[in-house]
Amino acid sequence: MDLVPSPVAGRLLELRARKADGELDLGGRHLRLREGVVVAVTPAADDGSLVDFLVRAGHLDEADRGR
């Protein structure tokens, strides 16, 4: 069975191979690329905070939220 990347992953791989510079709107987010590497991502309007994500993923406890 061949592995086939998703269209989004395929596009990012193509941009990396071309060492593209620029900006791209993708999935409600704004990505900045330098030499094909994503160097910045602006979150989508409905994205939670990084702390919320880390708590949901189990990397931080609720007690750590206020630190």
N, C-alpha and C. Protein backbone atom coordinates (compact mmCIF):
# COMPACT_ATOMS: atom_id res chain seq x y z
N MET A 1 0.83 -1.17 0.00
CA MET A 1 0.00 0.00 0.00
C MET A 1 0.89 1.24 0.00
N ASP A 2 0.61 2.17 -0.90
CA ASP A 2 1.35 3.42 -0.98
C ASP A 2 0.76 4.45 -0.02
N LEU A 3 1.63 5.19 0.63
CA LEU A 3 1.19 6.29 1.46
C LEU A 3 1.04 7.53 0.59
N VAL A 4 -0.09 8.19 0.72
CA VAL A 4 -0.36 9.38 -0.06
C VAL A 4 -0.62 10.53 0.91
N PRO A 5 0.16 11.60 0.82
CA PRO A 5 -0.07 12.72 1.74
C PRO A 5 -1.39 13.42 1.43
N SER A 6 -1.97 14.04 2.44
CA SER A 6 -3.18 14.83 2.23
C SER A 6 -2.84 15.98 1.29
N PRO A 7 -3.86 16.58 0.68
CA PRO A 7 -3.59 17.72 -0.21
C PRO A 7 -2.83 18.85 0.49
N VAL A 8 -3.15 19.12 1.74
CA VAL A 8 -2.45 20.17 2.48
C VAL A 8 -0.99 19.80 2.67
N ALA A 9 -0.74 18.58 3.12
CA ALA A 9 0.64 18.13 3.32
C ALA A 9 1.40 18.13 2.00
N GLY A 10 0.75 17.69 0.94
CA GLY A 10 1.38 17.68 -0.38
C GLY A 10 1.78 19.07 -0.83
N ARG A 11 0.90 20.03 -0.58
CA ARG A 11 1.20 21.42 -0.96
C ARG A 11 2.39 21.96 -0.16
N LEU A 12 2.41 21.69 1.15
CA LEU A 12 3.52 22.15 1.97
C LEU A 12 4.83 21.48 1.57
N LEU A 13 4.78 20.20 1.21
CA LEU A 13 5.99 19.51 0.75
C LEU A 13 6.49 20.10 -0.56
N GLU A 14 5.56 20.43 -1.45
CA GLU A 14 5.93 21.06 -2.72
C GLU A 14 6.60 22.42 -2.49
N LEU A 15 6.03 23.21 -1.59
CA LEU A 15 6.60 24.52 -1.29
C LEU A 15 7.98 24.39 -0.66
N ARG A 16 8.16 23.37 0.17
CA ARG A 16 9.47 23.13 0.79
C ARG A 16 10.50 22.75 -0.29
N ALA A 17 10.11 21.88 -1.20
CA ALA A 17 11.02 21.45 -2.26
C ALA A 17 11.44 22.62 -3.14
N ARG A 18 10.53 23.58 -3.34
CA ARG A 18 10.84 24.76 -4.16
C ARG A 18 11.52 25.87 -3.36
N LYS A 19 11.66 25.65 -2.03
CA LYS A 19 12.22 26.67 -1.14
C LYS A 19 11.51 28.01 -1.32
N ALA A 20 10.19 27.91 -1.31
CA ALA A 20 9.34 29.08 -1.56
C ALA A 20 9.38 30.07 -0.41
N ASP A 21 9.33 31.34 -0.75
CA ASP A 21 9.16 32.42 0.20
C ASP A 21 7.79 33.04 -0.04
N GLY A 22 7.11 33.40 1.05
CA GLY A 22 5.83 34.07 0.88
C GLY A 22 4.86 33.73 1.99
N GLU A 23 3.59 34.04 1.71
CA GLU A 23 2.54 33.82 2.68
C GLU A 23 1.41 33.04 2.03
N LEU A 24 0.69 32.28 2.86
CA LEU A 24 -0.33 31.36 2.36
C LEU A 24 -1.45 31.30 3.37
N ASP A 25 -2.70 31.45 2.91
CA ASP A 25 -3.86 31.23 3.76
C ASP A 25 -4.27 29.78 3.62
N LEU A 26 -4.40 29.10 4.76
CA LEU A 26 -4.65 27.67 4.74
C LEU A 26 -5.47 27.28 5.96
N GLY A 27 -6.66 26.77 5.74
CA GLY A 27 -7.48 26.29 6.84
C GLY A 27 -7.81 27.37 7.86
N GLY A 28 -8.00 28.59 7.41
CA GLY A 28 -8.32 29.68 8.31
C GLY A 28 -7.10 30.26 9.00
N ARG A 29 -5.95 29.75 8.69
CA ARG A 29 -4.71 30.24 9.29
C ARG A 29 -3.86 30.92 8.21
N HIS A 30 -2.98 31.78 8.65
CA HIS A 30 -2.09 32.49 7.73
C HIS A 30 -0.67 32.01 8.02
N LEU A 31 -0.04 31.38 7.03
CA LEU A 31 1.31 30.84 7.19
C LEU A 31 2.32 31.72 6.46
N ARG A 32 3.47 31.93 7.09
CA ARG A 32 4.58 32.65 6.45
C ARG A 32 5.70 31.64 6.21
N LEU A 33 6.20 31.62 4.97
CA LEU A 33 7.25 30.68 4.57
C LEU A 33 8.53 31.41 4.20
N ARG A 34 9.63 30.84 4.61
CA ARG A 34 10.95 31.33 4.19
C ARG A 34 11.75 30.11 3.77
N GLU A 35 12.17 30.11 2.52
CA GLU A 35 12.89 28.97 1.94
C GLU A 35 12.14 27.66 2.15
N GLY A 36 10.80 27.73 2.07
CA GLY A 36 9.96 26.55 2.16
C GLY A 36 9.65 26.09 3.57
N VAL A 37 10.18 26.78 4.55
CA VAL A 37 9.97 26.42 5.95
C VAL A 37 8.91 27.35 6.54
N VAL A 38 7.94 26.78 7.24
CA VAL A 38 6.94 27.60 7.92
C VAL A 38 7.61 28.27 9.11
N VAL A 39 7.64 29.60 9.10
CA VAL A 39 8.31 30.34 10.17
C VAL A 39 7.32 31.07 11.08
N ALA A 40 6.06 31.17 10.66
CA ALA A 40 5.05 31.82 11.49
C ALA A 40 3.67 31.33 11.08
N VAL A 41 2.79 31.21 12.06
CA VAL A 41 1.40 30.83 11.81
C VAL A 41 0.50 31.73 12.64
N THR A 42 -0.43 32.38 11.98
CA THR A 42 -1.44 33.18 12.67
C THR A 42 -2.63 32.26 12.91
N PRO A 43 -3.11 32.15 14.15
CA PRO A 43 -4.21 31.23 14.44
C PRO A 43 -5.51 31.63 13.77
N ALA A 44 -6.38 30.63 13.58
CA ALA A 44 -7.72 30.89 13.05
C ALA A 44 -8.55 31.56 14.15
N ALA A 45 -9.63 32.19 13.75
CA ALA A 45 -10.47 32.95 14.68
C ALA A 45 -10.99 32.08 15.82
N ASP A 46 -11.26 30.81 15.56
CA ASP A 46 -11.82 29.94 16.60
C ASP A 46 -10.78 29.09 17.32
N ASP A 47 -9.50 29.32 17.06
CA ASP A 47 -8.45 28.59 17.78
C ASP A 47 -8.38 29.07 19.23
N GLY A 48 -8.22 28.13 20.13
CA GLY A 48 -8.01 28.49 21.53
C GLY A 48 -6.58 28.94 21.74
N SER A 49 -6.26 29.23 22.98
CA SER A 49 -4.89 29.65 23.29
C SER A 49 -3.95 28.45 23.32
N LEU A 50 -2.68 28.70 23.30
CA LEU A 50 -1.68 27.64 23.40
C LEU A 50 -1.82 26.91 24.73
N VAL A 51 -2.08 27.65 25.80
CA VAL A 51 -2.25 27.02 27.11
C VAL A 51 -3.44 26.07 27.10
N ASP A 52 -4.57 26.49 26.51
CA ASP A 52 -5.74 25.61 26.41
C ASP A 52 -5.37 24.32 25.68
N PHE A 53 -4.65 24.45 24.58
CA PHE A 53 -4.23 23.28 23.80
C PHE A 53 -3.36 22.35 24.64
N LEU A 54 -2.39 22.91 25.36
CA LEU A 54 -1.48 22.10 26.16
C LEU A 54 -2.21 21.39 27.29
N VAL A 55 -3.21 22.03 27.89
CA VAL A 55 -4.00 21.38 28.93
C VAL A 55 -4.81 20.24 28.32
N ARG A 56 -5.49 20.49 27.21
CA ARG A 56 -6.28 19.44 26.55
C ARG A 56 -5.41 18.27 26.12
N ALA A 57 -4.19 18.54 25.70
CA ALA A 57 -3.27 17.49 25.24
C ALA A 57 -2.60 16.76 26.40
N GLY A 58 -2.81 17.24 27.62
CA GLY A 58 -2.24 16.59 28.79
C GLY A 58 -0.81 16.98 29.11
N HIS A 59 -0.32 18.04 28.49
CA HIS A 59 1.05 18.48 28.73
C HIS A 59 1.15 19.46 29.89
N LEU A 60 0.01 20.06 30.27
CA LEU A 60 -0.07 20.94 31.43
C LEU A 60 -1.28 20.54 32.26
N ASP A 61 -1.19 20.72 33.56
CA ASP A 61 -2.33 20.51 34.45
C ASP A 61 -3.10 21.80 34.57
N GLU A 62 -4.36 21.70 34.98
CA GLU A 62 -5.17 22.89 35.23
C GLU A 62 -4.45 23.82 36.22
N ALA A 63 -3.75 23.24 37.19
CA ALA A 63 -3.05 24.04 38.19
C ALA A 63 -1.95 24.88 37.56
N ASP A 64 -1.40 24.43 36.43
CA ASP A 64 -0.33 25.16 35.74
C ASP A 64 -0.87 26.32 34.89
N ARG A 65 -2.16 26.33 34.66
CA ARG A 65 -2.76 27.30 33.73
C ARG A 65 -2.42 28.75 34.11
N GLY A 66 -2.42 29.07 35.37
CA GLY A 66 -2.21 30.46 35.79
C GLY A 66 -0.75 30.88 35.93
N ARG A 67 0.15 29.98 35.75
CA ARG A 67 1.59 30.31 35.91
C ARG A 67 2.13 31.10 34.77
